[in-house]
Amino acid sequence: MPKELVQFSSLQKLDLSDNQISEIPKELAQLSSLRNLCLQDNQISEISKELNQLNIYYLENS
């Protein structure tokens, strides 16, 4: 995932499905407007504590 993504501070929805991601970059915690995060069909085993600081209303990770 490009580190430049955090420049989109008003981003509300992010779909990272089907990307073979094994861990979520901590930089995502800087996206304070993020409300919907889809991580489906990746290889993520845990959600970082930094993401818990966000007010995500919909988190899909299966």
PDB file of N, CA and C in Angstrom:
ATOM      1  N   MET A   1       0.831  -1.166   0.000  1.00  0.00           N
ATOM      2  CA  MET A   1       0.000   0.000   0.000  1.00  0.00           C
ATOM      3  C   MET A   1       0.886   1.242   0.000  1.00  0.00           C
ATOM      4  N   PRO A   2       0.603   2.188  -0.871  1.00  0.00           N
ATOM      5  CA  PRO A   2       1.436   3.403  -0.929  1.00  0.00           C
ATOM      6  C   PRO A   2       1.321   4.236   0.343  1.00  0.00           C
ATOM      7  N   LYS A   3       2.444   4.661   0.858  1.00  0.00           N
ATOM      8  CA  LYS A   3       2.472   5.496   2.068  1.00  0.00           C
ATOM      9  C   LYS A   3       1.803   6.842   1.816  1.00  0.00           C
ATOM     10  N   GLU A   4       1.754   7.276   0.568  1.00  0.00           N
ATOM     11  CA  GLU A   4       1.135   8.561   0.215  1.00  0.00           C
ATOM     12  C   GLU A   4      -0.367   8.576   0.454  1.00  0.00           C
ATOM     13  N   LEU A   5      -0.951   7.424   0.659  1.00  0.00           N
ATOM     14  CA  LEU A   5      -2.385   7.332   0.894  1.00  0.00           C
ATOM     15  C   LEU A   5      -2.823   8.183   2.081  1.00  0.00           C
ATOM     16  N   VAL A   6      -1.971   8.347   3.061  1.00  0.00           N
ATOM     17  CA  VAL A   6      -2.334   9.118   4.254  1.00  0.00           C
ATOM     18  C   VAL A   6      -2.518  10.605   3.958  1.00  0.00           C
ATOM     19  N   GLN A   7      -2.128  11.039   2.781  1.00  0.00           N
ATOM     20  CA  GLN A   7      -2.338  12.443   2.395  1.00  0.00           C
ATOM     21  C   GLN A   7      -3.819  12.738   2.151  1.00  0.00           C
ATOM     22  N   PHE A   8      -4.616  11.703   1.975  1.00  0.00           N
ATOM     23  CA  PHE A   8      -6.046  11.870   1.740  1.00  0.00           C
ATOM     24  C   PHE A   8      -6.782  11.873   3.077  1.00  0.00           C
ATOM     25  N   SER A   9      -6.590  12.901   3.831  1.00  0.00           N
ATOM     26  CA  SER A   9      -7.089  12.960   5.204  1.00  0.00           C
ATOM     27  C   SER A   9      -8.619  12.917   5.307  1.00  0.00           C
ATOM     28  N   SER A  10      -9.322  13.271   4.248  1.00  0.00           N
ATOM     29  CA  SER A  10     -10.783  13.240   4.299  1.00  0.00           C
ATOM     30  C   SER A  10     -11.361  11.945   3.725  1.00  0.00           C
ATOM     31  N   LEU A  11     -10.510  10.979   3.439  1.00  0.00           N
ATOM     32  CA  LEU A  11     -10.944   9.688   2.909  1.00  0.00           C
ATOM     33  C   LEU A  11     -11.849   8.996   3.921  1.00  0.00           C
ATOM     34  N   GLN A  12     -13.035   8.573   3.477  1.00  0.00           N
ATOM     35  CA  GLN A  12     -13.991   7.939   4.373  1.00  0.00           C
ATOM     36  C   GLN A  12     -14.134   6.444   4.152  1.00  0.00           C
ATOM     37  N   LYS A  13     -13.867   5.992   2.938  1.00  0.00           N
ATOM     38  CA  LYS A  13     -14.026   4.577   2.624  1.00  0.00           C
ATOM     39  C   LYS A  13     -12.771   4.079   1.920  1.00  0.00           C
ATOM     40  N   LEU A  14     -12.275   2.923   2.372  1.00  0.00           N
ATOM     41  CA  LEU A  14     -11.071   2.346   1.784  1.00  0.00           C
ATOM     42  C   LEU A  14     -11.277   0.847   1.641  1.00  0.00           C
ATOM     43  N   ASP A  15     -11.148   0.359   0.433  1.00  0.00           N
ATOM     44  CA  ASP A  15     -11.307  -1.066   0.152  1.00  0.00           C
ATOM     45  C   ASP A  15      -9.954  -1.631  -0.265  1.00  0.00           C
ATOM     46  N   LEU A  16      -9.379  -2.441   0.589  1.00  0.00           N
ATOM     47  CA  LEU A  16      -8.088  -3.075   0.331  1.00  0.00           C
ATOM     48  C   LEU A  16      -8.259  -4.583   0.136  1.00  0.00           C
ATOM     49  N   SER A  17      -9.427  -4.992  -0.283  1.00  0.00           N
ATOM     50  CA  SER A  17      -9.732  -6.412  -0.461  1.00  0.00           C
ATOM     51  C   SER A  17      -8.857  -7.042  -1.541  1.00  0.00           C
ATOM     52  N   ASP A  18      -8.591  -8.338  -1.341  1.00  0.00           N
ATOM     53  CA  ASP A  18      -7.894  -9.156  -2.344  1.00  0.00           C
ATOM     54  C   ASP A  18      -6.532  -8.614  -2.737  1.00  0.00           C
ATOM     55  N   ASN A  19      -5.733  -8.200  -1.757  1.00  0.00           N
ATOM     56  CA  ASN A  19      -4.410  -7.662  -2.051  1.00  0.00           C
ATOM     57  C   ASN A  19      -3.273  -8.434  -1.395  1.00  0.00           C
ATOM     58  N   GLN A  20      -3.584  -9.545  -0.778  1.00  0.00           N
ATOM     59  CA  GLN A  20      -2.591 -10.374  -0.098  1.00  0.00           C
ATOM     60  C   GLN A  20      -1.794  -9.593   0.945  1.00  0.00           C
ATOM     61  N   ILE A  21      -2.464  -8.667   1.615  1.00  0.00           N
ATOM     62  CA  ILE A  21      -1.848  -7.878   2.681  1.00  0.00           C
ATOM     63  C   ILE A  21      -1.743  -8.753   3.922  1.00  0.00           C
ATOM     64  N   SER A  22      -0.591  -8.753   4.556  1.00  0.00           N
ATOM     65  CA  SER A  22      -0.428  -9.557   5.772  1.00  0.00           C
ATOM     66  C   SER A  22      -0.478  -8.716   7.041  1.00  0.00           C
ATOM     67  N   GLU A  23      -0.270  -7.422   6.902  1.00  0.00           N
ATOM     68  CA  GLU A  23      -0.424  -6.535   8.060  1.00  0.00           C
ATOM     69  C   GLU A  23      -0.871  -5.157   7.581  1.00  0.00           C
ATOM     70  N   ILE A  24      -1.627  -4.509   8.437  1.00  0.00           N
ATOM     71  CA  ILE A  24      -2.157  -3.193   8.095  1.00  0.00           C
ATOM     72  C   ILE A  24      -1.124  -2.140   8.483  1.00  0.00           C
ATOM     73  N   PRO A  25      -0.747  -1.293   7.553  1.00  0.00           N
ATOM     74  CA  PRO A  25       0.224  -0.250   7.884  1.00  0.00           C
ATOM     75  C   PRO A  25      -0.298   0.672   8.982  1.00  0.00           C
ATOM     76  N   LYS A  26       0.538   0.968   9.954  1.00  0.00           N
ATOM     77  CA  LYS A  26       0.143   1.826  11.075  1.00  0.00           C
ATOM     78  C   LYS A  26      -0.232   3.227  10.604  1.00  0.00           C
ATOM     79  N   GLU A  27       0.274   3.615   9.462  1.00  0.00           N
ATOM     80  CA  GLU A  27      -0.022   4.944   8.924  1.00  0.00           C
ATOM     81  C   GLU A  27      -1.514   5.145   8.658  1.00  0.00           C
ATOM     82  N   LEU A  28      -2.255   4.069   8.488  1.00  0.00           N
ATOM     83  CA  LEU A  28      -3.697   4.198   8.261  1.00  0.00           C
ATOM     84  C   LEU A  28      -4.382   4.904   9.428  1.00  0.00           C
ATOM     85  N   ALA A  29      -3.803   4.837  10.588  1.00  0.00           N
ATOM     86  CA  ALA A  29      -4.383   5.488  11.767  1.00  0.00           C
ATOM     87  C   ALA A  29      -4.413   7.006  11.601  1.00  0.00           C
ATOM     88  N   GLN A  30      -3.668   7.528  10.645  1.00  0.00           N
ATOM     89  CA  GLN A  30      -3.662   8.968  10.381  1.00  0.00           C
ATOM     90  C   GLN A  30      -4.877   9.406   9.571  1.00  0.00           C
ATOM     91  N   LEU A  31      -5.622   8.459   9.035  1.00  0.00           N
ATOM     92  CA  LEU A  31      -6.818   8.780   8.252  1.00  0.00           C
ATOM     93  C   LEU A  31      -7.996   8.974   9.197  1.00  0.00           C
ATOM     94  N   SER A  32      -8.048  10.105   9.821  1.00  0.00           N
ATOM     95  CA  SER A  32      -9.021  10.358  10.889  1.00  0.00           C
ATOM     96  C   SER A  32     -10.474  10.376  10.409  1.00  0.00           C
ATOM     97  N   SER A  33     -10.717  10.548   9.123  1.00  0.00           N
ATOM     98  CA  SER A  33     -12.088  10.552   8.597  1.00  0.00           C
ATOM     99  C   SER A  33     -12.546   9.178   8.133  1.00  0.00           C
ATOM    100  N   LEU A  34     -11.672   8.194   8.187  1.00  0.00           N
ATOM    101  CA  LEU A  34     -11.992   6.854   7.701  1.00  0.00           C
ATOM    102  C   LEU A  34     -13.113   6.231   8.532  1.00  0.00           C
ATOM    103  N   ARG A  35     -14.178   5.784   7.862  1.00  0.00           N
ATOM    104  CA  ARG A  35     -15.330   5.202   8.554  1.00  0.00           C
ATOM    105  C   ARG A  35     -15.625   3.781   8.088  1.00  0.00           C
ATOM    106  N   ASN A  36     -15.138   3.428   6.893  1.00  0.00           N
ATOM    107  CA  ASN A  36     -15.439   2.136   6.310  1.00  0.00           C
ATOM    108  C   ASN A  36     -14.145   1.548   5.770  1.00  0.00           C
ATOM    109  N   LEU A  37     -13.709   0.427   6.328  1.00  0.00           N
ATOM    110  CA  LEU A  37     -12.464  -0.210   5.924  1.00  0.00           C
ATOM    111  C   LEU A  37     -12.731  -1.668   5.594  1.00  0.00           C
ATOM    112  N   CYS A  38     -12.472  -2.032   4.362  1.00  0.00           N
ATOM    113  CA  CYS A  38     -12.712  -3.399   3.921  1.00  0.00           C
ATOM    114  C   CYS A  38     -11.367  -4.079   3.661  1.00  0.00           C
ATOM    115  N   LEU A  39     -11.127  -5.171   4.355  1.00  0.00           N
ATOM    116  CA  LEU A  39      -9.853  -5.891   4.279  1.00  0.00           C
ATOM    117  C   LEU A  39     -10.055  -7.348   3.874  1.00  0.00           C
ATOM    118  N   GLN A  40     -11.162  -7.640   3.296  1.00  0.00           N
ATOM    119  CA  GLN A  40     -11.561  -8.998   2.966  1.00  0.00           C
ATOM    120  C   GLN A  40     -10.555  -9.698   2.051  1.00  0.00           C
ATOM    121  N   ASP A  41     -10.397 -10.996   2.261  1.00  0.00           N
ATOM    122  CA  ASP A  41      -9.547 -11.860   1.438  1.00  0.00           C
ATOM    123  C   ASP A  41      -8.095 -11.411   1.397  1.00  0.00           C
ATOM    124  N   ASN A  42      -7.566 -11.089   2.553  1.00  0.00           N
ATOM    125  CA  ASN A  42      -6.155 -10.804   2.737  1.00  0.00           C
ATOM    126  C   ASN A  42      -5.601 -11.812   3.740  1.00  0.00           C
ATOM    127  N   GLN A  43      -4.404 -11.615   4.188  1.00  0.00           N
ATOM    128  CA  GLN A  43      -3.773 -12.540   5.117  1.00  0.00           C
ATOM    129  C   GLN A  43      -3.489 -11.855   6.450  1.00  0.00           C
ATOM    130  N   ILE A  44      -4.406 -11.020   6.885  1.00  0.00           N
ATOM    131  CA  ILE A  44      -4.245 -10.250   8.116  1.00  0.00           C
ATOM    132  C   ILE A  44      -4.705 -11.095   9.298  1.00  0.00           C
ATOM    133  N   SER A  45      -3.849 -11.232  10.284  1.00  0.00           N
ATOM    134  CA  SER A  45      -4.200 -12.047  11.443  1.00  0.00           C
ATOM    135  C   SER A  45      -4.645 -11.207  12.638  1.00  0.00           C
ATOM    136  N   GLU A  46      -4.259  -9.935  12.680  1.00  0.00           N
ATOM    137  CA  GLU A  46      -4.682  -9.077  13.791  1.00  0.00           C
ATOM    138  C   GLU A  46      -4.771  -7.621  13.340  1.00  0.00           C
ATOM    139  N   ILE A  47      -5.603  -6.892  14.046  1.00  0.00           N
ATOM    140  CA  ILE A  47      -5.789  -5.463  13.793  1.00  0.00           C
ATOM    141  C   ILE A  47      -4.934  -4.704  14.796  1.00  0.00           C
ATOM    142  N   SER A  48      -4.134  -3.783  14.304  1.00  0.00           N
ATOM    143  CA  SER A  48      -3.219  -3.056  15.192  1.00  0.00           C
ATOM    144  C   SER A  48      -3.972  -2.126  16.145  1.00  0.00           C
ATOM    145  N   LYS A  49      -3.359  -1.871  17.275  1.00  0.00           N
ATOM    146  CA  LYS A  49      -3.983  -1.005  18.275  1.00  0.00           C
ATOM    147  C   LYS A  49      -4.125   0.423  17.763  1.00  0.00           C
ATOM    148  N   GLU A  50      -3.296   0.831  16.835  1.00  0.00           N
ATOM    149  CA  GLU A  50      -3.399   2.179  16.260  1.00  0.00           C
ATOM    150  C   GLU A  50      -4.730   2.362  15.533  1.00  0.00           C
ATOM    151  N   LEU A  51      -5.197   1.308  14.869  1.00  0.00           N
ATOM    152  CA  LEU A  51      -6.476   1.401  14.159  1.00  0.00           C
ATOM    153  C   LEU A  51      -7.650   1.484  15.120  1.00  0.00           C
ATOM    154  N   ASN A  52      -7.481   0.989  16.317  1.00  0.00           N
ATOM    155  CA  ASN A  52      -8.553   1.071  17.312  1.00  0.00           C
ATOM    156  C   ASN A  52      -8.860   2.509  17.703  1.00  0.00           C
ATOM    157  N   GLN A  53      -7.961   3.416  17.422  1.00  0.00           N
ATOM    158  CA  GLN A  53      -8.163   4.825  17.742  1.00  0.00           C
ATOM    159  C   GLN A  53      -9.113   5.506  16.756  1.00  0.00           C
ATOM    160  N   LEU A  54      -9.324   4.882  15.609  1.00  0.00           N
ATOM    161  CA  LEU A  54     -10.205   5.461  14.602  1.00  0.00           C
ATOM    162  C   LEU A  54     -11.660   5.156  14.921  1.00  0.00           C
ATOM    163  N   ASN A  55     -12.555   5.975  14.407  1.00  0.00           N
ATOM    164  CA  ASN A  55     -13.990   5.749  14.580  1.00  0.00           C
ATOM    165  C   ASN A  55     -14.539   5.041  13.352  1.00  0.00           C
ATOM    166  N   ILE A  56     -14.086   3.814  13.141  1.00  0.00           N
ATOM    167  CA  ILE A  56     -14.544   3.037  11.991  1.00  0.00           C
ATOM    168  C   ILE A  56     -15.884   2.409  12.339  1.00  0.00           C
ATOM    169  N   TYR A  57     -16.872   2.667  11.486  1.00  0.00           N
ATOM    170  CA  TYR A  57     -18.203   2.132  11.717  1.00  0.00           C
ATOM    171  C   TYR A  57     -18.386   0.771  11.064  1.00  0.00           C
ATOM    172  N   TYR A  58     -17.600   0.497  10.047  1.00  0.00           N
ATOM    173  CA  TYR A  58     -17.740  -0.771   9.345  1.00  0.00           C
ATOM    174  C   TYR A  58     -16.349  -1.303   9.017  1.00  0.00           C
ATOM    175  N   LEU A  59     -16.014  -2.411   9.605  1.00  0.00           N
ATOM    176  CA  LEU A  59     -14.727  -3.061   9.369  1.00  0.00           C
ATOM    177  C   LEU A  59     -15.012  -4.480   8.918  1.00  0.00           C
ATOM    178  N   GLU A  60     -14.611  -4.790   7.710  1.00  0.00           N
ATOM    179  CA  GLU A  60     -14.813  -6.135   7.181  1.00  0.00           C
ATOM    180  C   GLU A  60     -13.455  -6.791   7.028  1.00  0.00           C
ATOM    181  N   ASN A  61     -13.288  -7.903   7.705  1.00  0.00           N
ATOM    182  CA  ASN A  61     -12.034  -8.640   7.642  1.00  0.00           C
ATOM    183  C   ASN A  61     -12.345 -10.122   7.799  1.00  0.00           C
ATOM    184  N   SER A  62     -12.411 -10.815   6.687  1.00  0.00           N
ATOM    185  CA  SER A  62     -12.703 -12.249   6.771  1.00  0.00           C
ATOM    186  C   SER A  62     -11.767 -13.049   5.898  1.00  0.00           C
TER     187      SER A  62
END
